[in-house]
């Protein structure tokens, strides 16, 4: 019964019951405290697995990446439910940190470092469009883009391209002006070369 209530291992449950003289509620409390403490110790471990989710409703979109340590945990129902809850919260205008207690408890229960790696909400203005791409079936990488002009197909292609290119910058205002100037010079030089008639 204690194992079902806490998802702790059989040996841990036995020790907790022994330490609390068979008091079920105290054993639950003890296991939760130990789980939270061990979750805090795991916080520095790498989260190279996980899931990325995207939702777009009308002119609002959200993307959230939740990381964990192993692939089996990334496919665990409780982990997936937590990732979905974070995504819905971000879409509604909330913050991933609204579920911090749940994250810590889940990390303690599943025995892995679980972190919200990133989350972003976007709103499209008039004339703008939201598009997204998540690389299925593993859903470990994805992109949400806001574009103005061009076609829906081009916007989706851009989102797809971003998932494998992993660009250094996420927005135009993050790019240093000297890099923009250098790229413009390269492109204008290319146009001059292409426009010269062949001899």
N, C-alpha and C. Protein backbone atom coordinates (compact mmCIF):
# COMPACT_ATOMS: atom_id res chain seq x y z
N UNK A 1 0.83 -1.21 0.00
CA UNK A 1 0.00 0.00 0.00
C UNK A 1 0.87 1.26 0.00
N UNK A 2 1.95 1.24 0.78
CA UNK A 2 2.87 2.38 0.84
C UNK A 2 3.58 2.56 -0.49
N UNK A 3 3.95 1.46 -1.09
CA UNK A 3 4.63 1.51 -2.40
C UNK A 3 3.69 2.11 -3.45
N UNK A 4 2.43 1.71 -3.45
CA UNK A 4 1.45 2.25 -4.40
C UNK A 4 1.25 3.75 -4.19
N UNK A 5 1.26 4.16 -2.93
CA UNK A 5 1.01 5.57 -2.60
C UNK A 5 2.19 6.47 -2.93
N UNK A 6 3.40 5.92 -2.91
CA UNK A 6 4.59 6.77 -3.06
C UNK A 6 5.45 6.45 -4.28
N UNK A 7 5.23 5.28 -4.90
CA UNK A 7 6.06 4.79 -6.01
C UNK A 7 7.50 4.54 -5.59
N UNK A 8 7.74 4.46 -4.30
CA UNK A 8 9.09 4.16 -3.80
C UNK A 8 9.34 2.66 -3.92
N UNK A 9 10.61 2.27 -3.86
CA UNK A 9 10.97 0.86 -3.95
C UNK A 9 10.52 0.09 -2.72
N UNK A 10 10.38 -1.23 -2.88
CA UNK A 10 9.91 -2.09 -1.79
C UNK A 10 10.81 -1.99 -0.55
N UNK A 11 12.13 -2.00 -0.77
CA UNK A 11 13.07 -1.92 0.34
C UNK A 11 12.97 -0.58 1.06
N UNK A 12 12.82 0.51 0.28
CA UNK A 12 12.68 1.84 0.88
C UNK A 12 11.41 1.92 1.73
N UNK A 13 10.32 1.32 1.23
CA UNK A 13 9.06 1.31 1.97
C UNK A 13 9.21 0.54 3.27
N UNK A 14 9.88 -0.59 3.19
CA UNK A 14 10.08 -1.41 4.39
C UNK A 14 10.86 -0.63 5.45
N UNK A 15 11.96 0.02 5.01
CA UNK A 15 12.78 0.81 5.95
C UNK A 15 11.98 1.96 6.55
N UNK A 16 11.19 2.63 5.71
CA UNK A 16 10.40 3.77 6.19
C UNK A 16 9.38 3.32 7.24
N UNK A 17 8.76 2.17 7.02
CA UNK A 17 7.79 1.65 7.99
C UNK A 17 8.48 1.25 9.30
N UNK A 18 9.70 0.70 9.16
CA UNK A 18 10.46 0.33 10.37
C UNK A 18 10.85 1.58 11.16
N UNK A 19 11.31 2.62 10.42
CA UNK A 19 11.75 3.86 11.08
C UNK A 19 10.60 4.59 11.77
N UNK A 20 9.38 4.41 11.26
CA UNK A 20 8.23 5.13 11.82
C UNK A 20 7.32 4.22 12.65
N UNK A 21 7.85 3.04 13.02
CA UNK A 21 7.08 2.08 13.83
C UNK A 21 5.74 1.73 13.21
N UNK A 22 5.72 1.58 11.89
CA UNK A 22 4.53 1.15 11.18
C UNK A 22 3.48 2.22 10.94
N UNK A 23 3.79 3.50 11.25
CA UNK A 23 2.85 4.59 11.02
C UNK A 23 2.84 4.95 9.53
N UNK A 24 1.73 4.62 8.87
CA UNK A 24 1.63 4.80 7.41
C UNK A 24 1.85 6.26 7.01
N UNK A 25 1.14 7.20 7.62
CA UNK A 25 1.24 8.62 7.25
C UNK A 25 2.64 9.16 7.47
N UNK A 26 3.26 8.77 8.58
CA UNK A 26 4.63 9.22 8.85
C UNK A 26 5.62 8.62 7.86
N UNK A 27 5.36 7.37 7.47
CA UNK A 27 6.22 6.71 6.48
C UNK A 27 6.13 7.42 5.12
N UNK A 28 4.91 7.83 4.74
CA UNK A 28 4.72 8.59 3.49
C UNK A 28 5.51 9.89 3.57
N UNK A 29 5.38 10.57 4.70
CA UNK A 29 6.08 11.85 4.89
C UNK A 29 7.58 11.65 4.82
N UNK A 30 8.09 10.61 5.47
CA UNK A 30 9.52 10.32 5.48
C UNK A 30 10.03 10.03 4.06
N UNK A 31 9.30 9.22 3.32
CA UNK A 31 9.70 8.89 1.96
C UNK A 31 9.69 10.13 1.06
N UNK A 32 8.70 10.99 1.24
CA UNK A 32 8.64 12.22 0.44
C UNK A 32 9.83 13.12 0.76
N UNK A 33 10.17 13.25 2.05
CA UNK A 33 11.31 14.08 2.44
C UNK A 33 12.61 13.54 1.86
N UNK A 34 12.78 12.22 1.94
CA UNK A 34 13.99 11.60 1.39
C UNK A 34 14.04 11.76 -0.13
N UNK A 35 12.87 11.59 -0.76
CA UNK A 35 12.79 11.74 -2.22
C UNK A 35 13.12 13.14 -2.67
N UNK A 36 12.61 14.14 -1.95
CA UNK A 36 12.88 15.54 -2.29
C UNK A 36 14.37 15.85 -2.11
N UNK A 37 14.96 15.32 -1.04
CA UNK A 37 16.38 15.55 -0.79
C UNK A 37 17.23 14.93 -1.89
N UNK A 38 16.87 13.71 -2.30
CA UNK A 38 17.66 13.07 -3.36
C UNK A 38 17.42 13.75 -4.70
N UNK A 39 16.22 14.31 -4.92
CA UNK A 39 15.94 15.05 -6.16
C UNK A 39 16.82 16.29 -6.22
N UNK A 40 17.01 16.95 -5.09
CA UNK A 40 17.86 18.14 -5.05
C UNK A 40 19.31 17.77 -5.37
N UNK A 41 19.75 16.60 -4.91
CA UNK A 41 21.12 16.15 -5.21
C UNK A 41 21.30 15.86 -6.69
N UNK A 42 20.23 15.42 -7.35
CA UNK A 42 20.30 15.07 -8.78
C UNK A 42 20.21 16.29 -9.69
N UNK A 43 19.94 17.46 -9.15
CA UNK A 43 19.66 18.64 -9.97
C UNK A 43 20.79 19.03 -10.92
N UNK A 44 22.02 18.62 -10.64
CA UNK A 44 23.14 18.97 -11.52
C UNK A 44 23.37 17.95 -12.62
N UNK A 45 22.67 16.83 -12.59
CA UNK A 45 22.88 15.79 -13.60
C UNK A 45 22.27 16.21 -14.93
N UNK A 46 22.88 15.79 -16.02
CA UNK A 46 22.46 16.18 -17.37
C UNK A 46 21.07 15.65 -17.70
N UNK A 47 20.30 16.46 -18.41
CA UNK A 47 18.97 16.07 -18.88
C UNK A 47 18.99 16.02 -20.41
N UNK A 48 19.63 14.98 -20.95
CA UNK A 48 19.79 14.89 -22.40
C UNK A 48 18.60 14.24 -23.10
N UNK A 49 17.67 13.71 -22.33
CA UNK A 49 16.44 13.14 -22.90
C UNK A 49 15.28 14.06 -22.52
N UNK A 50 14.08 13.73 -23.00
CA UNK A 50 12.92 14.54 -22.65
C UNK A 50 11.97 14.69 -23.82
N UNK A 51 11.09 15.66 -23.71
CA UNK A 51 10.08 15.89 -24.74
C UNK A 51 9.91 17.38 -25.00
N UNK A 52 9.59 17.70 -26.25
CA UNK A 52 9.23 19.05 -26.66
C UNK A 52 7.78 19.01 -27.13
N UNK A 53 6.99 19.94 -26.65
CA UNK A 53 5.60 20.03 -27.08
C UNK A 53 5.28 21.42 -27.60
N UNK A 54 4.39 21.50 -28.56
CA UNK A 54 3.96 22.78 -29.14
C UNK A 54 2.44 22.77 -29.26
N UNK A 55 1.85 23.90 -28.94
CA UNK A 55 0.41 24.09 -29.15
C UNK A 55 0.19 25.46 -29.77
N UNK A 56 -0.69 25.51 -30.77
CA UNK A 56 -1.07 26.79 -31.38
C UNK A 56 -2.59 26.85 -31.41
N UNK A 57 -3.14 27.93 -30.84
CA UNK A 57 -4.58 28.15 -30.87
C UNK A 57 -4.83 29.56 -31.37
N UNK A 58 -5.47 29.65 -32.52
CA UNK A 58 -5.73 30.94 -33.16
C UNK A 58 -4.42 31.70 -33.34
N UNK A 59 -4.27 32.84 -32.66
CA UNK A 59 -3.05 33.65 -32.86
C UNK A 59 -2.07 33.53 -31.70
N UNK A 60 -2.23 32.49 -30.86
CA UNK A 60 -1.34 32.29 -29.72
C UNK A 60 -0.72 30.90 -29.80
N UNK A 61 0.58 30.83 -29.53
CA UNK A 61 1.27 29.55 -29.54
C UNK A 61 2.21 29.43 -28.36
N UNK A 62 2.55 28.21 -28.02
CA UNK A 62 3.49 27.96 -26.93
C UNK A 62 4.34 26.74 -27.26
N UNK A 63 5.57 26.77 -26.78
CA UNK A 63 6.47 25.64 -26.90
C UNK A 63 7.11 25.42 -25.54
N UNK A 64 7.27 24.15 -25.17
CA UNK A 64 7.90 23.83 -23.89
C UNK A 64 8.75 22.58 -24.06
N UNK A 65 9.97 22.63 -23.51
CA UNK A 65 10.87 21.49 -23.52
C UNK A 65 11.13 21.08 -22.08
N UNK A 66 10.82 19.83 -21.77
CA UNK A 66 11.04 19.29 -20.43
C UNK A 66 12.05 18.17 -20.55
N UNK A 67 13.16 18.29 -19.81
CA UNK A 67 14.24 17.33 -19.91
C UNK A 67 14.26 16.35 -18.75
N UNK A 68 14.82 15.16 -19.05
CA UNK A 68 15.04 14.14 -18.03
C UNK A 68 16.34 13.41 -18.40
N UNK A 69 16.70 12.40 -17.65
CA UNK A 69 17.99 11.74 -17.86
C UNK A 69 17.95 10.56 -18.82
N UNK A 70 16.84 9.83 -18.87
CA UNK A 70 16.79 8.62 -19.68
C UNK A 70 15.54 8.57 -20.55
N UNK A 71 15.63 7.80 -21.64
CA UNK A 71 14.50 7.67 -22.56
C UNK A 71 13.28 7.01 -21.91
N UNK A 72 13.46 5.94 -21.09
CA UNK A 72 12.26 5.35 -20.47
C UNK A 72 11.46 6.37 -19.65
N UNK A 73 12.14 7.24 -18.92
CA UNK A 73 11.41 8.25 -18.14
C UNK A 73 10.73 9.24 -19.07
N UNK A 74 11.36 9.57 -20.21
CA UNK A 74 10.74 10.52 -21.15
C UNK A 74 9.44 9.99 -21.74
N UNK A 75 9.23 8.67 -21.65
CA UNK A 75 8.00 8.06 -22.15
C UNK A 75 7.06 7.62 -21.03
N UNK A 76 7.42 7.95 -19.79
CA UNK A 76 6.60 7.62 -18.64
C UNK A 76 5.33 8.48 -18.64
N UNK A 77 4.20 7.87 -18.33
CA UNK A 77 2.91 8.60 -18.37
C UNK A 77 2.90 9.81 -17.45
N UNK A 78 3.46 9.68 -16.25
CA UNK A 78 3.48 10.81 -15.31
C UNK A 78 4.35 11.94 -15.84
N UNK A 79 5.48 11.58 -16.45
CA UNK A 79 6.37 12.59 -17.03
C UNK A 79 5.66 13.32 -18.17
N UNK A 80 5.01 12.56 -19.04
CA UNK A 80 4.29 13.15 -20.18
C UNK A 80 3.15 14.05 -19.72
N UNK A 81 2.46 13.64 -18.67
CA UNK A 81 1.36 14.45 -18.13
C UNK A 81 1.90 15.76 -17.57
N UNK A 82 3.05 15.70 -16.90
CA UNK A 82 3.68 16.92 -16.35
C UNK A 82 4.09 17.85 -17.50
N UNK A 83 4.73 17.30 -18.54
CA UNK A 83 5.16 18.11 -19.69
C UNK A 83 3.97 18.79 -20.36
N UNK A 84 2.87 18.05 -20.48
CA UNK A 84 1.65 18.60 -21.09
C UNK A 84 1.08 19.72 -20.22
N UNK A 85 1.11 19.54 -18.91
CA UNK A 85 0.60 20.56 -17.99
C UNK A 85 1.42 21.84 -18.10
N UNK A 86 2.74 21.70 -18.19
CA UNK A 86 3.61 22.87 -18.35
C UNK A 86 3.27 23.60 -19.65
N UNK A 87 3.12 22.84 -20.73
CA UNK A 87 2.80 23.44 -22.03
C UNK A 87 1.47 24.20 -21.99
N UNK A 88 0.45 23.61 -21.40
CA UNK A 88 -0.86 24.26 -21.31
C UNK A 88 -0.79 25.53 -20.46
N UNK A 89 -0.01 25.48 -19.40
CA UNK A 89 0.15 26.65 -18.53
C UNK A 89 0.80 27.80 -19.29
N UNK A 90 1.86 27.50 -20.05
CA UNK A 90 2.56 28.52 -20.83
C UNK A 90 1.63 29.10 -21.90
N UNK A 91 0.86 28.23 -22.56
CA UNK A 91 -0.09 28.69 -23.58
C UNK A 91 -1.11 29.64 -22.98
N UNK A 92 -1.54 29.37 -21.75
CA UNK A 92 -2.54 30.19 -21.07
C UNK A 92 -1.95 31.48 -20.51
N UNK A 93 -0.63 31.66 -20.64
CA UNK A 93 0.00 32.89 -20.16
C UNK A 93 0.68 32.74 -18.82
N UNK A 94 0.69 31.53 -18.28
CA UNK A 94 1.36 31.28 -17.00
C UNK A 94 2.84 31.00 -17.19
N UNK A 95 3.48 30.57 -16.11
CA UNK A 95 4.91 30.29 -16.13
C UNK A 95 5.15 28.85 -15.73
N UNK A 96 6.18 28.25 -16.32
CA UNK A 96 6.51 26.86 -16.00
C UNK A 96 6.80 26.69 -14.52
N UNK A 97 7.31 27.73 -13.87
CA UNK A 97 7.64 27.64 -12.44
C UNK A 97 6.38 27.50 -11.57
N UNK A 98 5.19 27.71 -12.16
CA UNK A 98 3.95 27.51 -11.42
C UNK A 98 3.82 26.06 -10.95
N UNK A 99 4.54 25.15 -11.59
CA UNK A 99 4.47 23.72 -11.27
C UNK A 99 5.76 23.21 -10.64
N UNK A 100 6.49 24.09 -9.97
CA UNK A 100 7.78 23.71 -9.40
C UNK A 100 7.66 22.60 -8.36
N UNK A 101 6.68 22.67 -7.49
CA UNK A 101 6.52 21.63 -6.47
C UNK A 101 6.24 20.28 -7.12
N UNK A 102 5.43 20.30 -8.16
CA UNK A 102 5.12 19.06 -8.88
C UNK A 102 6.36 18.50 -9.57
N UNK A 103 7.19 19.40 -10.12
CA UNK A 103 8.43 18.96 -10.78
C UNK A 103 9.35 18.26 -9.78
N UNK A 104 9.52 18.87 -8.61
CA UNK A 104 10.40 18.29 -7.59
C UNK A 104 9.86 16.94 -7.12
N UNK A 105 8.55 16.87 -6.93
CA UNK A 105 7.94 15.62 -6.48
C UNK A 105 8.08 14.53 -7.54
N UNK A 106 7.89 14.90 -8.81
CA UNK A 106 8.03 13.94 -9.90
C UNK A 106 9.47 13.44 -10.01
N UNK A 107 10.43 14.35 -9.87
CA UNK A 107 11.84 13.96 -9.91
C UNK A 107 12.16 12.99 -8.78
N UNK A 108 11.59 13.25 -7.61
CA UNK A 108 11.82 12.36 -6.46
C UNK A 108 11.19 10.99 -6.72
N UNK A 109 9.99 10.99 -7.28
CA UNK A 109 9.28 9.73 -7.51
C UNK A 109 9.93 8.88 -8.60
N UNK A 110 10.38 9.56 -9.69
CA UNK A 110 10.95 8.82 -10.82
C UNK A 110 12.45 8.59 -10.68
N UNK A 111 13.07 9.27 -9.73
CA UNK A 111 14.50 9.05 -9.46
C UNK A 111 15.42 9.66 -10.48
N UNK A 112 14.98 10.71 -11.16
CA UNK A 112 15.82 11.37 -12.16
C UNK A 112 15.72 12.88 -12.02
N UNK A 113 16.73 13.56 -12.57
CA UNK A 113 16.69 15.01 -12.66
C UNK A 113 15.69 15.38 -13.75
N UNK A 114 14.70 16.16 -13.42
CA UNK A 114 13.70 16.62 -14.38
C UNK A 114 13.70 18.14 -14.34
N UNK A 115 13.87 18.75 -15.49
CA UNK A 115 13.96 20.21 -15.57
C UNK A 115 13.15 20.73 -16.75
N UNK A 116 12.57 21.91 -16.59
CA UNK A 116 11.98 22.60 -17.75
C UNK A 116 13.15 23.31 -18.42
N UNK A 117 13.55 22.80 -19.58
CA UNK A 117 14.72 23.30 -20.29
C UNK A 117 14.43 24.65 -20.94
N UNK A 118 13.21 24.82 -21.40
CA UNK A 118 12.82 26.09 -22.02
C UNK A 118 11.33 26.12 -22.27
N UNK A 119 10.76 27.30 -22.24
CA UNK A 119 9.34 27.48 -22.52
C UNK A 119 9.12 28.90 -23.03
N UNK A 120 8.27 29.02 -24.04
CA UNK A 120 8.04 30.33 -24.66
C UNK A 120 6.61 30.41 -25.17
N UNK A 121 6.02 31.57 -25.01
CA UNK A 121 4.68 31.84 -25.53
C UNK A 121 4.81 32.94 -26.57
N UNK A 122 4.12 32.80 -27.70
CA UNK A 122 4.15 33.81 -28.76
C UNK A 122 2.73 34.18 -29.14
N UNK A 123 2.58 35.44 -29.51
CA UNK A 123 1.29 35.91 -30.00
C UNK A 123 1.51 36.58 -31.35
N UNK A 124 0.72 36.18 -32.33
CA UNK A 124 0.84 36.74 -33.67
C UNK A 124 -0.05 37.98 -33.79
N UNK A 125 0.53 39.05 -34.31
CA UNK A 125 -0.22 40.28 -34.57
C UNK A 125 -0.87 40.17 -35.95
N UNK A 126 -1.61 41.21 -36.34
CA UNK A 126 -2.23 41.22 -37.67
C UNK A 126 -1.17 41.04 -38.74
N UNK A 127 -1.44 40.17 -39.69
CA UNK A 127 -0.52 39.93 -40.79
C UNK A 127 0.59 38.95 -40.45
N UNK A 128 0.66 38.51 -39.20
CA UNK A 128 1.68 37.53 -38.81
C UNK A 128 1.05 36.15 -38.70
N UNK A 129 1.91 35.14 -38.77
CA UNK A 129 1.44 33.76 -38.72
C UNK A 129 2.35 32.95 -37.82
N UNK A 130 1.74 32.04 -37.05
CA UNK A 130 2.51 31.12 -36.23
C UNK A 130 2.58 29.77 -36.93
N UNK A 131 3.76 29.20 -36.94
CA UNK A 131 3.93 27.87 -37.50
C UNK A 131 4.87 27.10 -36.60
N UNK A 132 4.80 25.79 -36.67
CA UNK A 132 5.66 24.99 -35.80
C UNK A 132 6.03 23.67 -36.44
N UNK A 133 7.02 23.04 -35.85
CA UNK A 133 7.44 21.71 -36.27
C UNK A 133 8.05 21.02 -35.06
N UNK A 134 7.67 19.78 -34.82
CA UNK A 134 8.28 18.95 -33.80
C UNK A 134 8.68 17.65 -34.49
N UNK A 135 9.94 17.27 -34.30
CA UNK A 135 10.47 16.08 -34.99
C UNK A 135 9.93 14.82 -34.32
N UNK A 136 8.95 14.18 -34.98
CA UNK A 136 8.32 12.97 -34.46
C UNK A 136 9.12 11.74 -34.92
N UNK A 137 9.01 10.61 -34.26
CA UNK A 137 8.09 10.32 -33.16
C UNK A 137 8.68 10.60 -31.77
N UNK A 138 9.97 10.90 -31.70
CA UNK A 138 10.58 11.04 -30.36
C UNK A 138 10.29 12.37 -29.70
N UNK A 139 9.95 13.39 -30.48
CA UNK A 139 9.59 14.72 -29.95
C UNK A 139 10.65 15.30 -29.02
N UNK A 140 11.93 15.17 -29.43
CA UNK A 140 13.01 15.71 -28.61
C UNK A 140 13.45 17.09 -29.06
N UNK A 141 13.02 17.51 -30.24
CA UNK A 141 13.42 18.82 -30.75
C UNK A 141 12.24 19.41 -31.53
N UNK A 142 12.07 20.74 -31.40
CA UNK A 142 10.97 21.39 -32.09
C UNK A 142 11.21 22.88 -32.18
N UNK A 143 10.36 23.56 -32.96
CA UNK A 143 10.48 25.00 -33.13
C UNK A 143 9.10 25.61 -33.31
N UNK A 144 8.96 26.83 -32.81
CA UNK A 144 7.75 27.63 -32.99
C UNK A 144 8.22 28.95 -33.59
N UNK A 145 7.68 29.33 -34.74
CA UNK A 145 8.12 30.55 -35.41
C UNK A 145 6.93 31.49 -35.67
N UNK A 146 7.25 32.77 -35.68
CA UNK A 146 6.26 33.80 -36.02
C UNK A 146 6.80 34.50 -37.25
N UNK A 147 6.03 34.48 -38.33
CA UNK A 147 6.49 35.07 -39.58
C UNK A 147 5.48 36.12 -40.06
N UNK A 148 5.98 36.98 -40.94
CA UNK A 148 5.11 37.98 -41.57
C UNK A 148 5.42 37.95 -43.06
N UNK A 149 4.41 37.73 -43.85
CA UNK A 149 4.61 37.62 -45.29
C UNK A 149 5.04 36.21 -45.64
N UNK A 150 5.04 35.91 -46.93
CA UNK A 150 5.42 34.56 -47.36
C UNK A 150 4.26 33.60 -47.17
N UNK A 151 4.53 32.35 -47.50
CA UNK A 151 3.46 31.34 -47.45
C UNK A 151 3.53 30.53 -46.17
N UNK A 152 2.45 29.83 -45.88
CA UNK A 152 2.40 28.93 -44.73
C UNK A 152 3.41 27.80 -44.89
N UNK A 153 3.58 27.36 -46.14
CA UNK A 153 4.55 26.29 -46.43
C UNK A 153 5.96 26.74 -46.11
N UNK A 154 6.29 27.98 -46.49
CA UNK A 154 7.63 28.51 -46.20
C UNK A 154 7.84 28.66 -44.69
N UNK A 155 6.79 29.07 -43.97
CA UNK A 155 6.90 29.22 -42.51
C UNK A 155 7.16 27.88 -41.85
N UNK A 156 6.45 26.84 -42.31
CA UNK A 156 6.66 25.50 -41.74
C UNK A 156 8.06 24.99 -42.10
N UNK A 157 8.51 25.26 -43.31
CA UNK A 157 9.87 24.86 -43.72
C UNK A 157 10.91 25.54 -42.85
N UNK A 158 10.67 26.80 -42.50
CA UNK A 158 11.58 27.52 -41.63
C UNK A 158 11.63 26.86 -40.25
N UNK A 159 10.47 26.50 -39.72
CA UNK A 159 10.42 25.82 -38.41
C UNK A 159 11.17 24.50 -38.47
N UNK A 160 10.97 23.75 -39.54
CA UNK A 160 11.66 22.48 -39.72
C UNK A 160 13.17 22.70 -39.79
N UNK A 161 13.59 23.69 -40.55
CA UNK A 161 15.02 24.01 -40.71
C UNK A 161 15.64 24.36 -39.36
N UNK A 162 14.92 25.12 -38.55
CA UNK A 162 15.44 25.51 -37.24
C UNK A 162 15.69 24.32 -36.33
N UNK A 163 14.88 23.27 -36.47
CA UNK A 163 15.05 22.12 -35.59
C UNK A 163 16.35 21.38 -35.84
N UNK A 164 16.83 21.39 -37.09
CA UNK A 164 18.10 20.68 -37.31
C UNK A 164 19.29 21.64 -37.35
N UNK A 165 19.07 22.92 -37.65
CA UNK A 165 20.18 23.87 -37.73
C UNK A 165 20.61 24.37 -36.35
N UNK A 166 19.69 24.38 -35.40
CA UNK A 166 19.96 24.87 -34.04
C UNK A 166 20.72 26.19 -34.07
N UNK A 167 20.07 27.25 -34.51
CA UNK A 167 20.74 28.54 -34.65
C UNK A 167 21.20 29.12 -33.32
N UNK A 168 22.20 29.98 -33.42
CA UNK A 168 22.77 30.63 -32.24
C UNK A 168 21.81 31.64 -31.64
N UNK A 169 21.02 32.29 -32.48
CA UNK A 169 20.13 33.37 -32.02
C UNK A 169 18.68 32.98 -32.22
N UNK A 170 17.84 33.42 -31.29
CA UNK A 170 16.42 33.10 -31.36
C UNK A 170 15.56 34.22 -31.89
N UNK A 171 16.10 35.43 -31.96
CA UNK A 171 15.33 36.57 -32.44
C UNK A 171 16.26 37.56 -33.13
N UNK A 172 15.72 38.36 -34.03
CA UNK A 172 16.50 39.31 -34.83
C UNK A 172 17.31 40.28 -33.95
N UNK A 173 16.71 40.77 -32.87
CA UNK A 173 17.40 41.76 -32.05
C UNK A 173 18.55 41.17 -31.22
N UNK A 174 18.70 39.84 -31.23
CA UNK A 174 19.83 39.20 -30.53
C UNK A 174 21.09 39.16 -31.41
N UNK A 175 20.91 39.34 -32.73
CA UNK A 175 22.03 39.20 -33.65
C UNK A 175 22.86 40.49 -33.66
N UNK A 176 24.18 40.39 -33.40
CA UNK A 176 25.03 41.59 -33.43
C UNK A 176 25.00 42.25 -34.81
N UNK A 177 25.00 43.58 -34.81
CA UNK A 177 24.89 44.33 -36.06
C UNK A 177 26.03 44.01 -37.02
N UNK A 178 27.24 43.76 -36.49
CA UNK A 178 28.37 43.48 -37.39
C UNK A 178 28.15 42.18 -38.17
N UNK A 179 27.46 41.20 -37.57
CA UNK A 179 27.16 39.97 -38.31
C UNK A 179 26.13 40.22 -39.39
N UNK A 180 25.13 41.05 -39.08
CA UNK A 180 24.11 41.40 -40.08
C UNK A 180 24.77 42.11 -41.26
N UNK A 181 25.64 43.08 -40.95
CA UNK A 181 26.32 43.83 -42.02
C UNK A 181 27.19 42.90 -42.88
N UNK A 182 27.89 41.97 -42.23
CA UNK A 182 28.75 41.04 -42.97
C UNK A 182 27.92 40.15 -43.89
N UNK A 183 26.78 39.65 -43.42
CA UNK A 183 25.92 38.81 -44.25
C UNK A 183 25.34 39.60 -45.42
N UNK A 184 24.95 40.86 -45.16
CA UNK A 184 24.41 41.69 -46.24
C UNK A 184 25.47 41.92 -47.32
N UNK A 185 26.70 42.13 -46.88
CA UNK A 185 27.79 42.35 -47.84
C UNK A 185 28.01 41.11 -48.69
N UNK A 186 27.99 39.95 -48.06
CA UNK A 186 28.18 38.69 -48.79
C UNK A 186 27.05 38.49 -49.79
N UNK A 187 25.81 38.75 -49.35
CA UNK A 187 24.66 38.56 -50.25
C UNK A 187 24.67 39.55 -51.40
N UNK A 188 25.02 40.80 -51.13
CA UNK A 188 25.04 41.79 -52.21
C UNK A 188 26.15 41.47 -53.20
N UNK A 189 27.29 40.97 -52.71
CA UNK A 189 28.38 40.57 -53.60
C UNK A 189 27.96 39.39 -54.47
N UNK A 190 27.23 38.44 -53.87
CA UNK A 190 26.74 37.28 -54.63
C UNK A 190 25.78 37.71 -55.72
N UNK A 191 24.91 38.68 -55.41
CA UNK A 191 23.96 39.17 -56.41
C UNK A 191 24.68 39.85 -57.57
N UNK A 192 25.76 40.60 -57.27
CA UNK A 192 26.54 41.26 -58.32
C UNK A 192 27.18 40.23 -59.24
N UNK A 193 27.74 39.17 -58.64
CA UNK A 193 28.39 38.12 -59.43
C UNK A 193 27.38 37.42 -60.32
N UNK A 194 26.20 37.12 -59.77
CA UNK A 194 25.17 36.43 -60.54
C UNK A 194 24.59 37.31 -61.64
N UNK A 195 24.58 38.62 -61.44
CA UNK A 195 23.98 39.48 -62.44
C UNK A 195 24.91 39.84 -63.60
N UNK A 196 26.22 39.54 -63.46
CA UNK A 196 27.17 39.83 -64.55
C UNK A 196 26.92 38.88 -65.71
N UNK A 197 26.86 39.41 -66.95
CA UNK A 197 26.64 38.52 -68.10
C UNK A 197 27.87 37.66 -68.36
N UNK A 198 27.61 36.44 -68.84
CA UNK A 198 28.72 35.55 -69.15
C UNK A 198 29.39 36.02 -70.42
N UNK A 199 30.73 35.85 -70.51
CA UNK A 199 31.49 36.24 -71.73
C UNK A 199 31.35 35.19 -72.79
